[in-house]
Amino acid sequence: MADKRDYYEVLGLSKGASEDEIKKAYRRKAKETHPDLHPGDKEAEARFKEVNEAYEVLSDSDKKARYDQFGHAGVDPNFGGGGGFDGGFDFGDLGDIFGSFFGGGFGGGRRSNPNAPQRGESIRISLTIDFEEAAFGCEKAVTIERAEACPTCQGSGCASGTTPETCSKCRGTGTVQVRRQTPMGVFATPSACPDCGGKGRIIRQPCKDCRGSGFVRKRKTIQASVPAGIDNGQTISIRGQGSAGKNGGPAGDLLITIAVRPHELFRREGTSVLCETPITFAQAVLGAELEIPTIDGKVKYDLPEGTQSGSTFRLKGKGIPSLNGRGRGDQYVTVYIETPRNLNHEQKEALKKFAETMGDDNYQERKGLFGKNKKKR
């Protein structure tokens, strides 16, 4: 008695909690501590019993009233309080609660048929492609390892001339009810049948090639069509190319996540392609015809005279094709002026003479900056 925790504390509630609050707290705590989720964990099993004991008292208005007044003594039969755990506990709401958590194990709820068709597992792989391959699409051969129906037994798992037997212990359901003794009495939870391992069938003479599993692992090379416009991190799905299904169920899918190698010149933002290109001082001042690299190859562009370093211009329709096949993005080219190095004496003198001929009228931004400074003074 002295070692028992307060029932409200066990459920994480304060005294005076409503019936609805008690039920919600119990659902949460019972799900956290249920033994089926912590197999072999004695501490979790003890907490689960404690949670059930607390709920059994606090969910009953008479027992709750006695507990609120007298504490544990009010509900312990050894202290004359009545209402103890007599083994005849009616699960009522508990059965519904556990049924929603664990497939109706309390009170014999329905469980899925282990012999029903089941979809096979999907297989996930990654595929690295080049920037241009992502832009325009490509065909790639990928090799995977997947489970396929055993060709010797046709997926039955049985040796030639034999068939599986329905498990007599679970009658083909794959589950049995395991009865547990608790402070509230005895209750049952569903568990995998120990005789058939939850399969509902027993194979007495297994196939030698698949050892009774019905499946063998095989390497398979598959052609994957990568669509134009796919981006880094996106996934394409090839239906039916995953592992084989069970009991005649469909195969899973092959899911390929794309990784795009960085490009030395281009960056991508959505369907736009971004790049930078250097120009000379003379080209910026006088204008020039530039050759600009694009994912389609080099194109001509007429650079206007007086172009400032950092200016960006657009090449319409030279970006990434849309993944849905509707049009293409644009390419944006940012130019920057490369300062010449290692000038000889003659070049330096020519540059000095050129600089002497320049005035503020030739530098609009410089003129504007110094003009603002003069006004501030």
Protein backbone atom coordinates (compact mmCIF):
# COMPACT_ATOMS: atom_id res chain seq x y z
CA MET A 1 0.00 0.00 0.00
CA ALA A 2 2.76 2.46 0.95
CA ASP A 3 4.59 1.68 -2.31
CA LYS A 4 1.62 2.42 -4.54
CA ARG A 5 1.71 5.60 -6.57
CA ASP A 6 -1.22 7.96 -6.58
CA TYR A 7 -3.67 6.86 -9.30
CA TYR A 8 -4.00 10.40 -10.65
CA GLU A 9 -0.21 10.62 -10.91
CA VAL A 10 -0.10 7.29 -12.74
CA LEU A 11 -2.43 8.67 -15.44
CA GLY A 12 -0.78 12.09 -15.46
CA LEU A 13 -3.89 13.85 -14.13
CA SER A 14 -4.75 16.24 -11.35
CA LYS A 15 -7.33 15.38 -8.72
CA GLY A 16 -10.86 16.24 -9.83
CA ALA A 17 -10.26 15.24 -13.49
CA SER A 18 -13.43 14.63 -15.47
CA GLU A 19 -14.58 11.27 -16.79
CA ASP A 20 -13.60 12.26 -20.32
CA GLU A 21 -10.14 13.41 -19.20
CA ILE A 22 -9.60 10.13 -17.35
CA LYS A 23 -10.55 8.07 -20.39
CA LYS A 24 -8.29 10.10 -22.72
CA ALA A 25 -5.36 9.83 -20.32
CA TYR A 26 -5.90 6.10 -20.01
CA ARG A 27 -5.94 5.62 -23.78
CA ARG A 28 -2.63 7.43 -24.07
CA LYS A 29 -0.89 5.67 -21.19
CA ALA A 30 -2.20 2.23 -22.12
CA LYS A 31 -0.93 2.61 -25.67
CA GLU A 32 2.50 3.74 -24.42
CA THR A 33 2.95 0.83 -22.00
CA HIS A 34 1.10 -2.09 -23.63
CA PRO A 35 3.18 -5.31 -23.42
CA ASP A 36 2.58 -6.12 -27.11
CA LEU A 37 4.58 -3.01 -27.98
CA HIS A 38 7.36 -3.90 -25.49
CA PRO A 39 7.83 -7.66 -25.70
CA GLY A 40 9.96 -9.02 -22.87
CA ASP A 41 10.07 -5.65 -21.06
CA LYS A 42 9.08 -6.43 -17.47
CA GLU A 43 9.16 -2.76 -16.49
CA ALA A 44 6.69 -1.85 -19.26
CA GLU A 45 4.43 -4.74 -18.19
CA ALA A 46 4.46 -3.46 -14.60
CA ARG A 47 3.60 0.07 -15.73
CA PHE A 48 0.79 -1.30 -17.89
CA LYS A 49 -0.71 -3.12 -14.87
CA GLU A 50 -0.40 0.05 -12.82
CA VAL A 51 -2.18 2.09 -15.52
CA ASN A 52 -5.03 -0.45 -15.74
CA GLU A 53 -5.41 -0.54 -11.97
CA ALA A 54 -5.62 3.25 -11.81
CA TYR A 55 -8.20 3.39 -14.59
CA GLU A 56 -10.32 0.62 -13.09
CA VAL A 57 -10.75 2.73 -9.97
CA LEU A 58 -11.00 6.23 -11.43
CA SER A 59 -13.43 5.23 -14.19
CA ASP A 60 -15.92 3.89 -11.62
CA SER A 61 -17.77 6.75 -9.93
CA ASP A 62 -18.29 4.86 -6.62
CA LYS A 63 -14.69 3.65 -6.37
CA LYS A 64 -13.40 7.06 -7.43
CA ALA A 65 -15.41 8.73 -4.66
CA ARG A 66 -14.01 6.33 -2.06
CA TYR A 67 -10.47 6.77 -3.42
CA ASP A 68 -10.77 10.55 -3.37
CA GLN A 69 -11.85 10.40 0.28
CA PHE A 70 -9.74 7.58 1.71
CA GLY A 71 -6.98 6.99 -0.82
CA HIS A 72 -5.88 3.42 -1.61
CA ALA A 73 -7.49 2.14 1.59
CA GLY A 74 -10.89 3.14 0.26
CA VAL A 75 -10.69 0.64 -2.61
CA ASP A 76 -8.62 -2.13 -1.03
CA PRO A 77 -10.82 -5.05 0.15
CA ASN A 78 -8.30 -5.87 2.91
CA PHE A 79 -9.20 -2.58 4.50
CA GLY A 80 -12.94 -3.07 4.24
CA GLY A 81 -13.37 -0.53 1.52
CA GLY A 82 -14.83 -2.96 -0.99
CA GLY A 83 -14.56 -2.63 -4.73
CA GLY A 84 -11.26 -4.50 -4.93
CA PHE A 85 -9.91 -6.44 -7.93
CA ASP A 86 -11.95 -9.62 -7.72
CA GLY A 87 -11.12 -11.19 -11.07
CA GLY A 88 -14.60 -10.55 -12.42
CA PHE A 89 -13.66 -7.24 -13.98
CA ASP A 90 -15.80 -6.19 -16.95
CA PHE A 91 -13.53 -4.69 -19.59
CA GLY A 92 -16.36 -2.68 -21.17
CA ASP A 93 -14.70 0.49 -22.44
CA LEU A 94 -11.27 -1.10 -22.07
CA GLY A 95 -12.15 -3.70 -24.68
CA ASP A 96 -13.18 -0.99 -27.10
CA ILE A 97 -10.06 1.03 -26.35
CA PHE A 98 -7.65 -1.87 -26.80
CA GLY A 99 -9.57 -3.01 -29.85
CA SER A 100 -8.84 0.32 -31.52
CA PHE A 101 -5.15 0.03 -30.61
CA PHE A 102 -4.42 -3.62 -31.22
CA GLY A 103 -6.91 -4.96 -33.76
CA GLY A 104 -9.72 -5.98 -31.44
CA GLY A 105 -7.71 -8.43 -29.34
CA PHE A 106 -9.89 -7.84 -26.28
CA GLY A 107 -13.15 -9.66 -26.69
CA GLY A 108 -12.19 -11.54 -29.85
CA GLY A 109 -12.13 -8.71 -32.40
CA ARG A 110 -11.40 -9.42 -36.05
CA ARG A 111 -7.88 -9.61 -37.38
CA SER A 112 -6.63 -9.69 -40.94
CA ASN A 113 -6.53 -13.04 -42.68
CA PRO A 114 -2.89 -14.19 -42.97
CA ASN A 115 -3.78 -16.07 -46.15
CA ALA A 116 -5.33 -13.08 -47.91
CA PRO A 117 -3.41 -11.59 -50.87
CA GLN A 118 -0.72 -9.17 -49.69
CA ARG A 119 1.14 -6.58 -51.72
CA GLY A 120 4.88 -7.13 -52.04
CA GLU A 121 7.47 -4.79 -50.58
CA SER A 122 8.54 -1.76 -52.57
CA ILE A 123 12.25 -1.36 -53.23
CA ARG A 124 14.01 1.99 -52.81
CA ILE A 125 17.26 2.85 -54.55
CA SER A 126 19.11 6.03 -55.54
CA LEU A 127 20.38 6.94 -59.00
CA THR A 128 22.95 9.64 -59.77
CA ILE A 129 22.68 11.41 -63.13
CA ASP A 130 24.26 14.41 -64.86
CA PHE A 131 22.78 17.92 -64.93
CA GLU A 132 21.90 17.64 -68.63
CA GLU A 133 20.37 14.17 -68.15
CA ALA A 134 18.06 15.61 -65.51
CA ALA A 135 17.15 18.48 -67.83
CA PHE A 136 16.36 16.44 -70.93
CA GLY A 137 15.58 13.00 -69.49
CA CYS A 138 17.41 9.76 -70.11
CA GLU A 139 17.21 5.97 -70.03
CA LYS A 140 19.21 4.22 -67.34
CA ALA A 141 19.75 0.54 -66.56
CA VAL A 142 19.48 -0.14 -62.82
CA THR A 143 20.25 -3.43 -61.11
CA ILE A 144 18.25 -4.44 -58.05
CA GLU A 145 17.82 -7.47 -55.84
CA ARG A 146 14.24 -8.48 -55.13
CA ALA A 147 12.13 -11.36 -53.86
CA GLU A 148 10.47 -13.39 -56.61
CA ALA A 149 8.16 -16.38 -56.42
CA CYS A 150 10.18 -19.58 -56.23
CA PRO A 151 10.06 -21.20 -59.69
CA THR A 152 10.38 -24.69 -58.21
CA CYS A 153 7.29 -24.59 -55.95
CA GLN A 154 5.50 -21.72 -57.72
CA GLY A 155 5.52 -19.76 -54.49
CA SER A 156 3.73 -22.36 -52.36
CA GLY A 157 6.79 -23.14 -50.24
CA CYS A 158 5.99 -26.84 -50.41
CA ALA A 159 7.98 -29.66 -51.87
CA SER A 160 6.64 -31.16 -55.10
CA GLY A 161 3.47 -33.18 -54.58
CA THR A 162 2.67 -31.70 -51.16
CA THR A 163 0.42 -28.92 -49.91
CA PRO A 164 0.40 -26.82 -46.75
CA GLU A 165 -1.84 -27.82 -43.84
CA THR A 166 -4.20 -25.50 -42.00
CA CYS A 167 -2.85 -24.93 -38.51
CA SER A 168 -5.01 -26.79 -36.00
CA LYS A 169 -4.07 -24.56 -33.08
CA CYS A 170 -5.25 -21.25 -34.59
CA ARG A 171 -7.54 -22.82 -37.23
CA GLY A 172 -5.85 -20.86 -39.99
CA THR A 173 -6.26 -17.41 -38.42
CA GLY A 174 -2.60 -17.04 -37.50
CA THR A 175 -3.41 -15.72 -34.01
CA VAL A 176 -4.29 -17.17 -30.63
CA GLN A 177 -5.62 -15.51 -27.50
CA VAL A 178 -3.02 -15.30 -24.73
CA ARG A 179 -4.54 -15.00 -21.26
CA ARG A 180 -2.73 -12.83 -18.73
CA GLN A 181 -3.30 -12.55 -15.01
CA THR A 182 -3.45 -8.93 -13.81
CA PRO A 183 -4.47 -7.25 -10.55
CA MET A 184 -7.88 -6.75 -12.21
CA GLY A 185 -8.31 -10.36 -13.18
CA VAL A 186 -7.57 -12.38 -16.30
CA PHE A 187 -7.79 -10.87 -19.77
CA ALA A 188 -6.75 -12.05 -23.21
CA THR A 189 -4.69 -10.40 -25.91
CA PRO A 190 -4.07 -11.64 -29.47
CA SER A 191 -0.65 -13.06 -30.24
CA ALA A 192 0.97 -14.80 -33.21
CA CYS A 193 0.27 -18.51 -33.15
CA PRO A 194 3.39 -20.31 -31.86
CA ASP A 195 2.75 -23.39 -34.00
CA CYS A 196 2.55 -21.71 -37.40
CA GLY A 197 4.35 -18.45 -36.62
CA GLY A 198 1.25 -16.41 -37.47
CA LYS A 199 0.93 -17.79 -41.01
CA GLY A 200 -2.17 -19.90 -40.41
CA ARG A 201 -0.59 -22.78 -42.32
CA ILE A 202 2.08 -25.35 -41.60
CA ILE A 203 4.41 -26.72 -44.27
CA ARG A 204 5.51 -30.21 -43.31
CA GLN A 205 7.76 -30.77 -46.35
CA PRO A 206 9.29 -27.44 -47.41
CA CYS A 207 10.68 -26.74 -50.87
CA LYS A 208 14.45 -27.24 -50.87
CA ASP A 209 15.13 -24.24 -53.10
CA CYS A 210 13.26 -21.60 -51.06
CA ARG A 211 13.26 -23.49 -47.74
CA GLY A 212 9.52 -23.10 -47.40
CA SER A 213 9.38 -19.32 -47.78
CA GLY A 214 7.95 -19.43 -51.31
CA PHE A 215 10.43 -16.77 -52.42
CA VAL A 216 13.97 -16.58 -53.75
CA ARG A 217 16.23 -13.50 -54.04
CA LYS A 218 17.21 -12.60 -57.59
CA ARG A 219 19.19 -9.80 -59.22
CA LYS A 220 17.32 -8.03 -61.97
CA THR A 221 18.37 -5.28 -64.40
CA ILE A 222 15.56 -2.88 -65.27
CA GLN A 223 15.41 0.01 -67.74
CA ALA A 224 14.32 3.18 -65.98
CA SER A 225 12.96 6.12 -67.95
CA VAL A 226 14.00 9.33 -66.21
CA PRO A 227 11.63 12.13 -67.29
CA ALA A 228 12.90 15.48 -68.56
CA GLY A 229 12.91 18.19 -65.92
CA ILE A 230 13.35 15.94 -62.88
CA ASP A 231 15.11 17.65 -59.98
CA ASN A 232 17.54 16.55 -57.31
CA GLY A 233 15.82 14.53 -54.56
CA GLN A 234 12.69 13.70 -56.55
CA THR A 235 11.54 10.08 -56.85
CA ILE A 236 10.20 8.16 -59.83
CA SER A 237 8.10 5.02 -59.41
CA ILE A 238 8.09 1.96 -61.65
CA ARG A 239 4.97 -0.01 -60.78
CA GLY A 240 5.17 -3.73 -60.20
CA GLN A 241 8.97 -3.94 -60.24
CA GLY A 242 9.39 -4.43 -56.49
CA SER A 243 9.28 -7.71 -54.59
CA ALA A 244 6.60 -10.28 -55.37
CA GLY A 245 3.38 -10.24 -53.37
CA LYS A 246 2.18 -12.98 -51.04
CA ASN A 247 -0.78 -15.28 -51.61
CA GLY A 248 -1.28 -14.00 -55.13
CA GLY A 249 -1.04 -10.32 -54.16
CA PRO A 250 0.49 -7.73 -56.52
CA ALA A 251 4.19 -6.96 -56.57
CA GLY A 252 5.50 -3.81 -54.93
CA ASP A 253 7.00 -0.87 -56.80
CA LEU A 254 10.54 0.21 -57.58
CA LEU A 255 11.12 3.70 -56.19
CA ILE A 256 14.16 5.53 -57.58
CA THR A 257 15.33 8.72 -55.88
CA ILE A 258 17.34 10.94 -58.21
CA ALA A 259 20.60 12.65 -57.26
CA VAL A 260 21.85 15.24 -59.77
CA ARG A 261 25.58 15.90 -60.04
CA PRO A 262 26.53 19.59 -59.68
CA HIS A 263 27.48 21.31 -62.95
CA GLU A 264 30.67 23.34 -63.27
CA LEU A 265 28.88 26.24 -64.99
CA PHE A 266 25.16 26.05 -64.25
CA ARG A 267 22.94 26.18 -61.19
CA ARG A 268 19.27 25.41 -61.11
CA GLU A 269 16.33 27.11 -59.40
CA GLY A 270 13.10 25.39 -60.35
CA THR A 271 13.02 25.47 -64.15
CA SER A 272 15.50 28.37 -64.35
CA VAL A 273 19.19 27.93 -65.16
CA LEU A 274 21.63 30.42 -63.64
CA CYS A 275 25.19 31.09 -64.71
CA GLU A 276 27.87 33.76 -64.60
CA THR A 277 30.24 34.84 -67.37
CA PRO A 278 33.24 37.22 -67.32
CA ILE A 279 33.55 40.13 -69.77
CA THR A 280 36.38 42.57 -70.43
CA PHE A 281 36.30 46.25 -69.56
CA ALA A 282 36.27 47.09 -73.26
CA GLN A 283 33.31 44.78 -73.91
CA ALA A 284 31.38 46.35 -71.06
CA VAL A 285 32.07 49.87 -72.32
CA LEU A 286 31.70 49.35 -76.07
CA GLY A 287 29.29 46.42 -76.17
CA ALA A 288 30.09 43.14 -77.85
CA GLU A 289 28.72 39.95 -79.33
CA LEU A 290 29.15 37.24 -76.69
CA GLU A 291 29.06 33.47 -76.91
CA ILE A 292 27.04 32.21 -73.96
CA PRO A 293 27.04 28.52 -72.90
CA THR A 294 23.61 26.95 -72.38
CA ILE A 295 22.41 23.38 -71.82
CA ASP A 296 21.57 23.36 -75.55
CA GLY A 297 25.03 24.54 -76.58
CA LYS A 298 26.54 27.99 -77.17
CA VAL A 299 24.31 30.87 -78.33
CA LYS A 300 25.05 34.45 -79.48
CA TYR A 301 24.05 37.45 -77.38
CA ASP A 302 24.51 41.14 -78.18
CA LEU A 303 25.83 42.83 -75.05
CA PRO A 304 24.79 46.51 -75.02
CA GLU A 305 27.43 49.18 -74.51
CA GLY A 306 27.75 50.59 -71.01
CA THR A 307 26.85 47.28 -69.32
CA GLN A 308 27.58 47.37 -65.60
CA SER A 309 29.29 44.57 -63.72
CA GLY A 310 26.68 42.38 -62.02
CA SER A 311 24.02 42.97 -64.68
CA THR A 312 21.79 39.98 -65.46
CA PHE A 313 20.09 39.25 -68.75
CA ARG A 314 17.64 36.54 -69.78
CA LEU A 315 17.81 33.91 -72.49
CA LYS A 316 14.18 32.95 -72.97
CA GLY A 317 13.39 29.26 -73.28
CA LYS A 318 16.93 28.12 -72.50
CA GLY A 319 16.13 26.75 -69.05
CA ILE A 320 14.88 23.38 -67.79
CA PRO A 321 11.86 21.69 -69.40
CA SER A 322 8.85 21.50 -67.11
CA LEU A 323 8.35 18.08 -65.58
CA ASN A 324 4.76 18.03 -66.85
CA GLY A 325 5.99 18.65 -70.41
CA ARG A 326 4.57 22.16 -70.69
CA GLY A 327 7.24 24.57 -71.88
CA ARG A 328 10.68 25.42 -70.58
CA GLY A 329 12.17 27.85 -68.13
CA ASP A 330 14.68 30.58 -68.95
CA GLN A 331 18.42 31.00 -68.46
CA TYR A 332 19.69 33.98 -66.50
CA VAL A 333 23.23 35.15 -67.19
CA THR A 334 25.05 37.49 -64.81
CA VAL A 335 28.09 39.27 -66.25
CA TYR A 336 31.02 40.58 -64.25
CA ILE A 337 33.98 42.61 -65.42
CA GLU A 338 37.30 40.84 -65.08
CA THR A 339 40.10 43.25 -64.14
CA PRO A 340 43.21 42.72 -66.29
CA ARG A 341 46.45 41.71 -64.57
CA ASN A 342 50.17 41.95 -65.40
CA LEU A 343 49.94 45.10 -67.58
CA ASN A 344 53.18 46.21 -69.27
CA HIS A 345 54.47 49.80 -69.16
CA GLU A 346 52.89 50.80 -72.46
CA GLN A 347 49.49 49.45 -71.41
CA LYS A 348 49.63 51.22 -68.07
CA GLU A 349 50.51 54.55 -69.71
CA ALA A 350 47.68 54.17 -72.21
CA LEU A 351 45.28 53.45 -69.35
CA LYS A 352 46.46 56.51 -67.44
CA LYS A 353 45.90 58.74 -70.46
CA PHE A 354 42.44 57.22 -70.91
CA ALA A 355 41.61 57.87 -67.24
CA GLU A 356 42.70 61.52 -67.56
CA THR A 357 40.17 62.05 -70.32
CA MET A 358 37.30 60.77 -68.19
CA GLY A 359 35.06 62.99 -66.12
CA ASP A 360 32.28 62.43 -63.63
CA ASP A 361 29.72 62.59 -66.44
CA ASN A 362 31.05 59.27 -67.67
CA TYR A 363 30.39 57.62 -64.27
CA GLN A 364 26.75 58.09 -63.34
CA GLU A 365 26.75 55.97 -60.18
CA ARG A 366 30.02 57.51 -58.97
CA LYS A 367 28.69 60.99 -59.73
CA GLY A 368 25.50 60.25 -57.85
CA LEU A 369 27.36 58.89 -54.83
CA PHE A 370 29.69 61.86 -54.47
CA GLY A 371 26.85 64.27 -55.19
CA LYS A 372 24.89 62.86 -52.22
CA ASN A 373 27.94 63.21 -49.99
CA LYS A 374 28.34 66.89 -50.95
CA LYS A 375 24.70 67.59 -50.11
CA LYS A 376 25.11 66.00 -46.68
CA ARG A 377 28.04 68.30 -45.93
